[in-house]
Amino acid sequence: MTDTSDPQAGLVPFRNRINNLDNQLVEILSKRLSICTEVARYKRERGIAMMQPDRVAEVIARCSEFGAKRGLRREFTESLYGLIIGEACELEAAIIGENKVS
């Protein structure tokens, strides 16, 4: 039998699962940005321009499609990756020493 005295208590298992996934998302984002640091150093050492518009478009399109196949709205995925790529560009700009191109 389920205890209905505190309906909020029933949310705890869901919140714990969400918290676990949030931790995994942050861990993955940290790893992604760590790789972006390596990319920025590689670009700096070889004189490669920071901004790679074709690559940005490719990543957003690929992830948007991947997300859509898993029930995510394309607009959501595109917005999310806009934020992720924006942070990566800020990181690259700091390492490469270029002004961020908006």
C-alpha atoms as a PDB file:
ATOM      1  CA  MET A   1       0.000   0.000   0.000  1.00  0.00           C
ATOM      2  CA  THR A   2       1.210   3.512  -0.843  1.00  0.00           C
ATOM      3  CA  ASP A   3       1.380   6.146   1.886  1.00  0.00           C
ATOM      4  CA  THR A   4      -0.798   9.046   0.715  1.00  0.00           C
ATOM      5  CA  SER A   5      -0.321  11.178   3.850  1.00  0.00           C
ATOM      6  CA  ASP A   6       2.387  13.258   2.138  1.00  0.00           C
ATOM      7  CA  PRO A   7       1.998  13.371  -1.638  1.00  0.00           C
ATOM      8  CA  GLN A   8       5.305  15.267  -1.914  1.00  0.00           C
ATOM      9  CA  ALA A   9       7.139  12.260  -0.491  1.00  0.00           C
ATOM     10  CA  GLY A  10       6.154  10.311  -3.581  1.00  0.00           C
ATOM     11  CA  LEU A  11       8.264  12.701  -5.644  1.00  0.00           C
ATOM     12  CA  VAL A  12      11.503  11.820  -3.848  1.00  0.00           C
ATOM     13  CA  PRO A  13      12.338   8.740  -5.966  1.00  0.00           C
ATOM     14  CA  PHE A  14      11.747  10.714  -9.176  1.00  0.00           C
ATOM     15  CA  ARG A  15      13.837  13.618  -7.931  1.00  0.00           C
ATOM     16  CA  ASN A  16      16.647  11.267  -6.958  1.00  0.00           C
ATOM     17  CA  ARG A  17      16.664   9.797 -10.467  1.00  0.00           C
ATOM     18  CA  ILE A  18      16.647  13.275 -12.009  1.00  0.00           C
ATOM     19  CA  ASN A  19      19.476  14.392  -9.701  1.00  0.00           C
ATOM     20  CA  ASN A  20      21.514  11.384 -10.777  1.00  0.00           C
ATOM     21  CA  LEU A  21      20.978  12.239 -14.439  1.00  0.00           C
ATOM     22  CA  ASP A  22      21.809  15.904 -13.787  1.00  0.00           C
ATOM     23  CA  ASN A  23      25.103  14.837 -12.230  1.00  0.00           C
ATOM     24  CA  GLN A  24      25.853  12.709 -15.289  1.00  0.00           C
ATOM     25  CA  LEU A  25      25.006  15.600 -17.627  1.00  0.00           C
ATOM     26  CA  VAL A  26      27.355  17.953 -15.776  1.00  0.00           C
ATOM     27  CA  GLU A  27      30.101  15.323 -15.802  1.00  0.00           C
ATOM     28  CA  ILE A  28      29.691  14.811 -19.559  1.00  0.00           C
ATOM     29  CA  LEU A  29      29.674  18.566 -20.216  1.00  0.00           C
ATOM     30  CA  SER A  30      32.850  18.919 -18.181  1.00  0.00           C
ATOM     31  CA  LYS A  31      34.508  16.190 -20.258  1.00  0.00           C
ATOM     32  CA  ARG A  32      33.296  17.806 -23.488  1.00  0.00           C
ATOM     33  CA  LEU A  33      34.742  21.174 -22.519  1.00  0.00           C
ATOM     34  CA  SER A  34      37.994  19.518 -21.501  1.00  0.00           C
ATOM     35  CA  ILE A  35      38.283  18.162 -25.033  1.00  0.00           C
ATOM     36  CA  CYS A  36      37.469  21.643 -26.347  1.00  0.00           C
ATOM     37  CA  THR A  37      40.465  22.899 -24.361  1.00  0.00           C
ATOM     38  CA  GLU A  38      42.646  20.388 -26.187  1.00  0.00           C
ATOM     39  CA  VAL A  39      41.150  21.500 -29.516  1.00  0.00           C
ATOM     40  CA  ALA A  40      41.856  25.157 -28.705  1.00  0.00           C
ATOM     41  CA  ARG A  41      45.489  24.410 -27.898  1.00  0.00           C
ATOM     42  CA  TYR A  42      45.810  22.401 -31.118  1.00  0.00           C
ATOM     43  CA  LYS A  43      44.326  25.297 -33.117  1.00  0.00           C
ATOM     44  CA  ARG A  44      46.580  27.849 -31.369  1.00  0.00           C
ATOM     45  CA  GLU A  45      49.726  25.810 -32.031  1.00  0.00           C
ATOM     46  CA  ARG A  46      48.882  25.408 -35.709  1.00  0.00           C
ATOM     47  CA  GLY A  47      47.408  28.843 -36.432  1.00  0.00           C
ATOM     48  CA  ILE A  48      43.933  27.462 -37.154  1.00  0.00           C
ATOM     49  CA  ALA A  49      41.083  29.954 -36.861  1.00  0.00           C
ATOM     50  CA  MET A  50      38.939  29.593 -33.791  1.00  0.00           C
ATOM     51  CA  MET A  51      35.585  29.845 -35.526  1.00  0.00           C
ATOM     52  CA  GLN A  52      34.642  26.903 -37.714  1.00  0.00           C
ATOM     53  CA  PRO A  53      31.074  27.770 -38.846  1.00  0.00           C
ATOM     54  CA  ASP A  54      30.673  24.604 -40.927  1.00  0.00           C
ATOM     55  CA  ARG A  55      31.578  22.447 -37.912  1.00  0.00           C
ATOM     56  CA  VAL A  56      29.150  24.358 -35.681  1.00  0.00           C
ATOM     57  CA  ALA A  57      26.337  23.851 -38.188  1.00  0.00           C
ATOM     58  CA  GLU A  58      27.246  20.167 -38.542  1.00  0.00           C
ATOM     59  CA  VAL A  59      27.162  19.553 -34.774  1.00  0.00           C
ATOM     60  CA  ILE A  60      23.852  21.354 -34.313  1.00  0.00           C
ATOM     61  CA  ALA A  61      22.236  19.523 -37.237  1.00  0.00           C
ATOM     62  CA  ARG A  62      23.541  16.122 -36.120  1.00  0.00           C
ATOM     63  CA  CYS A  63      22.464  16.571 -32.519  1.00  0.00           C
ATOM     64  CA  SER A  64      19.110  18.048 -33.512  1.00  0.00           C
ATOM     65  CA  GLU A  65      18.411  15.003 -35.659  1.00  0.00           C
ATOM     66  CA  PHE A  66      19.633  12.617 -32.942  1.00  0.00           C
ATOM     67  CA  GLY A  67      17.432  14.337 -30.365  1.00  0.00           C
ATOM     68  CA  ALA A  68      14.388  14.372 -32.642  1.00  0.00           C
ATOM     69  CA  LYS A  69      14.661  10.610 -33.041  1.00  0.00           C
ATOM     70  CA  ARG A  70      14.502  10.373 -29.244  1.00  0.00           C
ATOM     71  CA  GLY A  71      11.485  12.630 -28.824  1.00  0.00           C
ATOM     72  CA  LEU A  72      13.221  15.953 -28.180  1.00  0.00           C
ATOM     73  CA  ARG A  73      12.000  19.077 -29.910  1.00  0.00           C
ATOM     74  CA  ARG A  74      14.498  20.288 -32.501  1.00  0.00           C
ATOM     75  CA  GLU A  75      14.231  23.840 -31.163  1.00  0.00           C
ATOM     76  CA  PHE A  76      15.190  22.635 -27.693  1.00  0.00           C
ATOM     77  CA  THR A  77      18.209  20.687 -28.921  1.00  0.00           C
ATOM     78  CA  GLU A  78      19.348  23.529 -31.165  1.00  0.00           C
ATOM     79  CA  SER A  79      19.042  25.998 -28.288  1.00  0.00           C
ATOM     80  CA  LEU A  80      20.868  23.669 -25.907  1.00  0.00           C
ATOM     81  CA  TYR A  81      23.716  23.146 -28.345  1.00  0.00           C
ATOM     82  CA  GLY A  82      23.854  26.869 -29.001  1.00  0.00           C
ATOM     83  CA  LEU A  83      24.637  27.304 -25.297  1.00  0.00           C
ATOM     84  CA  ILE A  84      27.141  24.447 -25.229  1.00  0.00           C
ATOM     85  CA  ILE A  85      28.962  25.641 -28.332  1.00  0.00           C
ATOM     86  CA  GLY A  86      28.860  29.231 -27.065  1.00  0.00           C
ATOM     87  CA  GLU A  87      30.655  28.152 -23.897  1.00  0.00           C
ATOM     88  CA  ALA A  88      33.182  26.182 -25.943  1.00  0.00           C
ATOM     89  CA  CYS A  89      33.828  29.290 -28.062  1.00  0.00           C
ATOM     90  CA  GLU A  90      34.406  31.386 -24.936  1.00  0.00           C
ATOM     91  CA  LEU A  91      36.880  28.789 -23.721  1.00  0.00           C
ATOM     92  CA  GLU A  92      38.656  28.640 -27.073  1.00  0.00           C
ATOM     93  CA  ALA A  93      38.810  32.436 -27.276  1.00  0.00           C
ATOM     94  CA  ALA A  94      40.502  32.599 -23.880  1.00  0.00           C
ATOM     95  CA  ILE A  95      43.089  30.001 -24.934  1.00  0.00           C
ATOM     96  CA  ILE A  96      43.665  31.165 -28.485  1.00  0.00           C
ATOM     97  CA  GLY A  97      43.495  34.830 -27.552  1.00  0.00           C
ATOM     98  CA  GLU A  98      40.928  35.877 -30.108  1.00  0.00           C
ATOM     99  CA  ASN A  99      37.857  37.950 -29.484  1.00  0.00           C
ATOM    100  CA  LYS A 100      34.722  35.821 -29.572  1.00  0.00           C
ATOM    101  CA  VAL A 101      32.903  36.187 -32.872  1.00  0.00           C
ATOM    102  CA  SER A 102      29.164  36.517 -32.286  1.00  0.00           C
END
